[in-house]
Amino acid sequence: MARIAGVELPRNKKTVIALTYIYGIGHKRAWEIVQKSKVDPDKRTNELTPEEIQKLRNVISDYKVEGDLRKEVAMNIKALMDLGNYRGLRHRRGLPVRGQRTRTNARTRKGRKKTVGGK
């Protein structure tokens, strides 16, 4: 089984699709990586040779992925919260950050409904 950037890639998926399991690699970047490393994109992950896996690792090392990327995103959010600007306040309060309505919906961000009883 191929382990790249600390992630076990699924065995029976094509290389391009399997690369998207790494945080920070989407479809477009996965195609770029496969093109640069000259690995067959239709080849299944369990069919890759150790040399091909090493080629993929070398190309992926040029990108910021997994732990480094997660850390950077967390630091960016923390910086917004420390500045105290509007987006930072929305992050701090656990509300939608990008202008969505909150009178209804927004349940993913707000969590379960807290019913306020009336008479």
C-alpha atoms as a PDB file:
ATOM      1  CA  MET A   1       0.000   0.000   0.000  1.00  0.00           C
ATOM      2  CA  ALA A   2       1.302   3.452  -0.940  1.00  0.00           C
ATOM      3  CA  ARG A   3       1.920   5.882   1.912  1.00  0.00           C
ATOM      4  CA  ILE A   4       2.525   9.427   0.713  1.00  0.00           C
ATOM      5  CA  ALA A   5       2.681  12.553   2.918  1.00  0.00           C
ATOM      6  CA  GLY A   6       1.606  10.499   5.928  1.00  0.00           C
ATOM      7  CA  VAL A   7      -1.585   9.271   4.244  1.00  0.00           C
ATOM      8  CA  GLU A   8      -2.381   5.687   3.253  1.00  0.00           C
ATOM      9  CA  LEU A   9      -3.731   5.883  -0.285  1.00  0.00           C
ATOM     10  CA  PRO A  10      -6.673   3.575  -1.104  1.00  0.00           C
ATOM     11  CA  ARG A  11      -5.555   0.443  -2.963  1.00  0.00           C
ATOM     12  CA  ASN A  12      -8.060  -0.056  -5.775  1.00  0.00           C
ATOM     13  CA  LYS A  13      -8.446   3.507  -7.004  1.00  0.00           C
ATOM     14  CA  LYS A  14      -6.721   5.136  -9.946  1.00  0.00           C
ATOM     15  CA  THR A  15      -3.643   7.128  -9.012  1.00  0.00           C
ATOM     16  CA  VAL A  16      -5.219  10.503  -9.829  1.00  0.00           C
ATOM     17  CA  ILE A  17      -8.237   9.826  -7.619  1.00  0.00           C
ATOM     18  CA  ALA A  18      -6.157   8.312  -4.808  1.00  0.00           C
ATOM     19  CA  LEU A  19      -3.963  11.438  -4.623  1.00  0.00           C
ATOM     20  CA  THR A  20      -7.027  13.538  -3.777  1.00  0.00           C
ATOM     21  CA  TYR A  21      -7.192  11.738  -0.405  1.00  0.00           C
ATOM     22  CA  ILE A  22      -4.233  13.902   0.647  1.00  0.00           C
ATOM     23  CA  TYR A  23      -5.319  17.174   2.285  1.00  0.00           C
ATOM     24  CA  GLY A  24      -4.417  20.020  -0.065  1.00  0.00           C
ATOM     25  CA  ILE A  25      -4.546  18.014  -3.303  1.00  0.00           C
ATOM     26  CA  GLY A  26      -7.642  18.277  -5.463  1.00  0.00           C
ATOM     27  CA  HIS A  27      -8.348  16.931  -8.941  1.00  0.00           C
ATOM     28  CA  LYS A  28      -6.429  19.624 -10.807  1.00  0.00           C
ATOM     29  CA  ARG A  29      -3.327  19.389  -8.633  1.00  0.00           C
ATOM     30  CA  ALA A  30      -3.469  15.575  -8.716  1.00  0.00           C
ATOM     31  CA  TRP A  31      -3.351  15.696 -12.520  1.00  0.00           C
ATOM     32  CA  GLU A  32      -0.404  18.138 -12.378  1.00  0.00           C
ATOM     33  CA  ILE A  33       1.480  15.824 -10.017  1.00  0.00           C
ATOM     34  CA  VAL A  34       0.863  12.777 -12.218  1.00  0.00           C
ATOM     35  CA  GLN A  35       1.985  14.682 -15.330  1.00  0.00           C
ATOM     36  CA  LYS A  36       5.187  15.967 -13.663  1.00  0.00           C
ATOM     37  CA  SER A  37       6.107  12.577 -12.218  1.00  0.00           C
ATOM     38  CA  LYS A  38       5.345  10.801 -15.532  1.00  0.00           C
ATOM     39  CA  VAL A  39       3.240   8.112 -13.830  1.00  0.00           C
ATOM     40  CA  ASP A  40       0.328   6.499 -15.690  1.00  0.00           C
ATOM     41  CA  PRO A  41      -2.843   8.166 -14.277  1.00  0.00           C
ATOM     42  CA  ASP A  42      -4.996   5.111 -15.064  1.00  0.00           C
ATOM     43  CA  LYS A  43      -2.776   2.786 -13.068  1.00  0.00           C
ATOM     44  CA  ARG A  44      -4.267   1.564  -9.775  1.00  0.00           C
ATOM     45  CA  THR A  45      -2.488   2.481  -6.566  1.00  0.00           C
ATOM     46  CA  ASN A  46      -1.679  -1.126  -5.679  1.00  0.00           C
ATOM     47  CA  GLU A  47       0.004  -1.575  -9.099  1.00  0.00           C
ATOM     48  CA  LEU A  48       2.494   1.266  -8.536  1.00  0.00           C
ATOM     49  CA  THR A  49       6.148   0.299  -8.289  1.00  0.00           C
ATOM     50  CA  PRO A  50       8.315   1.683  -5.447  1.00  0.00           C
ATOM     51  CA  GLU A  51      10.121   3.882  -8.008  1.00  0.00           C
ATOM     52  CA  GLU A  52       6.830   5.429  -9.169  1.00  0.00           C
ATOM     53  CA  ILE A  53       5.763   6.032  -5.564  1.00  0.00           C
ATOM     54  CA  GLN A  54       9.089   7.759  -4.919  1.00  0.00           C
ATOM     55  CA  LYS A  55       8.588   9.951  -8.021  1.00  0.00           C
ATOM     56  CA  LEU A  56       5.149  10.979  -6.701  1.00  0.00           C
ATOM     57  CA  ARG A  57       6.636  11.745  -3.263  1.00  0.00           C
ATOM     58  CA  ASN A  58       9.335  13.930  -4.826  1.00  0.00           C
ATOM     59  CA  VAL A  59       6.797  15.976  -6.809  1.00  0.00           C
ATOM     60  CA  ILE A  60       4.397  16.281  -3.846  1.00  0.00           C
ATOM     61  CA  SER A  61       7.225  17.563  -1.644  1.00  0.00           C
ATOM     62  CA  ASP A  62       7.141  20.797  -3.720  1.00  0.00           C
ATOM     63  CA  TYR A  63       3.591  21.508  -2.497  1.00  0.00           C
ATOM     64  CA  LYS A  64       2.340  22.424   0.958  1.00  0.00           C
ATOM     65  CA  VAL A  65       0.055  19.558   1.995  1.00  0.00           C
ATOM     66  CA  GLU A  66      -1.331  17.767   5.082  1.00  0.00           C
ATOM     67  CA  GLY A  67       0.097  18.972   8.413  1.00  0.00           C
ATOM     68  CA  ASP A  68       1.871  22.095   7.152  1.00  0.00           C
ATOM     69  CA  LEU A  69      -1.212  23.257   5.244  1.00  0.00           C
ATOM     70  CA  ARG A  70      -3.569  22.525   8.153  1.00  0.00           C
ATOM     71  CA  LYS A  71      -1.258  24.451  10.475  1.00  0.00           C
ATOM     72  CA  GLU A  72      -1.139  27.425   8.098  1.00  0.00           C
ATOM     73  CA  VAL A  73      -4.938  27.526   7.748  1.00  0.00           C
ATOM     74  CA  ALA A  74      -5.366  27.331  11.530  1.00  0.00           C
ATOM     75  CA  MET A  75      -2.846  30.156  11.994  1.00  0.00           C
ATOM     76  CA  ASN A  76      -4.675  32.305   9.420  1.00  0.00           C
ATOM     77  CA  ILE A  77      -7.972  31.801  11.268  1.00  0.00           C
ATOM     78  CA  LYS A  78      -6.291  32.530  14.609  1.00  0.00           C
ATOM     79  CA  ALA A  79      -4.810  35.732  13.159  1.00  0.00           C
ATOM     80  CA  LEU A  80      -8.290  36.866  12.063  1.00  0.00           C
ATOM     81  CA  MET A  81      -9.632  36.169  15.549  1.00  0.00           C
ATOM     82  CA  ASP A  82      -6.753  38.043  17.218  1.00  0.00           C
ATOM     83  CA  LEU A  83      -7.267  41.066  14.971  1.00  0.00           C
ATOM     84  CA  GLY A  84     -10.876  41.203  16.073  1.00  0.00           C
ATOM     85  CA  ASN A  85     -12.219  41.976  12.629  1.00  0.00           C
ATOM     86  CA  TYR A  86     -15.669  40.837  11.505  1.00  0.00           C
ATOM     87  CA  ARG A  87     -14.545  37.499  10.055  1.00  0.00           C
ATOM     88  CA  GLY A  88     -12.570  36.786  13.205  1.00  0.00           C
ATOM     89  CA  LEU A  89     -15.613  37.479  15.391  1.00  0.00           C
ATOM     90  CA  ARG A  90     -17.745  35.137  13.286  1.00  0.00           C
ATOM     91  CA  HIS A  91     -15.127  32.389  13.698  1.00  0.00           C
ATOM     92  CA  ARG A  92     -14.964  33.011  17.445  1.00  0.00           C
ATOM     93  CA  ARG A  93     -18.765  32.843  17.839  1.00  0.00           C
ATOM     94  CA  GLY A  94     -19.084  29.758  15.642  1.00  0.00           C
ATOM     95  CA  LEU A  95     -21.345  31.449  13.114  1.00  0.00           C
ATOM     96  CA  PRO A  96     -21.180  31.450   9.296  1.00  0.00           C
ATOM     97  CA  VAL A  97     -18.265  33.584   8.110  1.00  0.00           C
ATOM     98  CA  ARG A  98     -19.188  34.308   4.503  1.00  0.00           C
ATOM     99  CA  GLY A  99     -22.406  36.268   4.764  1.00  0.00           C
ATOM    100  CA  GLN A 100     -24.964  33.466   4.892  1.00  0.00           C
ATOM    101  CA  ARG A 101     -28.301  34.036   6.621  1.00  0.00           C
ATOM    102  CA  THR A 102     -28.635  32.813  10.185  1.00  0.00           C
ATOM    103  CA  ARG A 103     -32.316  33.391  10.970  1.00  0.00           C
ATOM    104  CA  THR A 104     -33.015  29.998   9.449  1.00  0.00           C
ATOM    105  CA  ASN A 105     -30.487  27.401   8.347  1.00  0.00           C
ATOM    106  CA  ALA A 106     -26.806  27.675   9.394  1.00  0.00           C
ATOM    107  CA  ARG A 107     -27.297  24.515  11.485  1.00  0.00           C
ATOM    108  CA  THR A 108     -23.978  22.995  10.453  1.00  0.00           C
ATOM    109  CA  ARG A 109     -22.108  25.950  11.909  1.00  0.00           C
ATOM    110  CA  LYS A 110     -24.393  26.689  14.875  1.00  0.00           C
ATOM    111  CA  GLY A 111     -25.019  23.110  15.998  1.00  0.00           C
ATOM    112  CA  ARG A 112     -28.249  21.623  17.347  1.00  0.00           C
ATOM    113  CA  LYS A 113     -31.209  23.943  17.852  1.00  0.00           C
ATOM    114  CA  LYS A 114     -31.492  25.367  21.374  1.00  0.00           C
ATOM    115  CA  THR A 115     -35.196  25.903  21.914  1.00  0.00           C
ATOM    116  CA  VAL A 116     -36.130  29.021  23.853  1.00  0.00           C
ATOM    117  CA  GLY A 117     -39.401  28.265  25.574  1.00  0.00           C
ATOM    118  CA  GLY A 118     -42.351  30.614  25.595  1.00  0.00           C
ATOM    119  CA  LYS A 119     -45.644  30.382  27.415  1.00  0.00           C
END
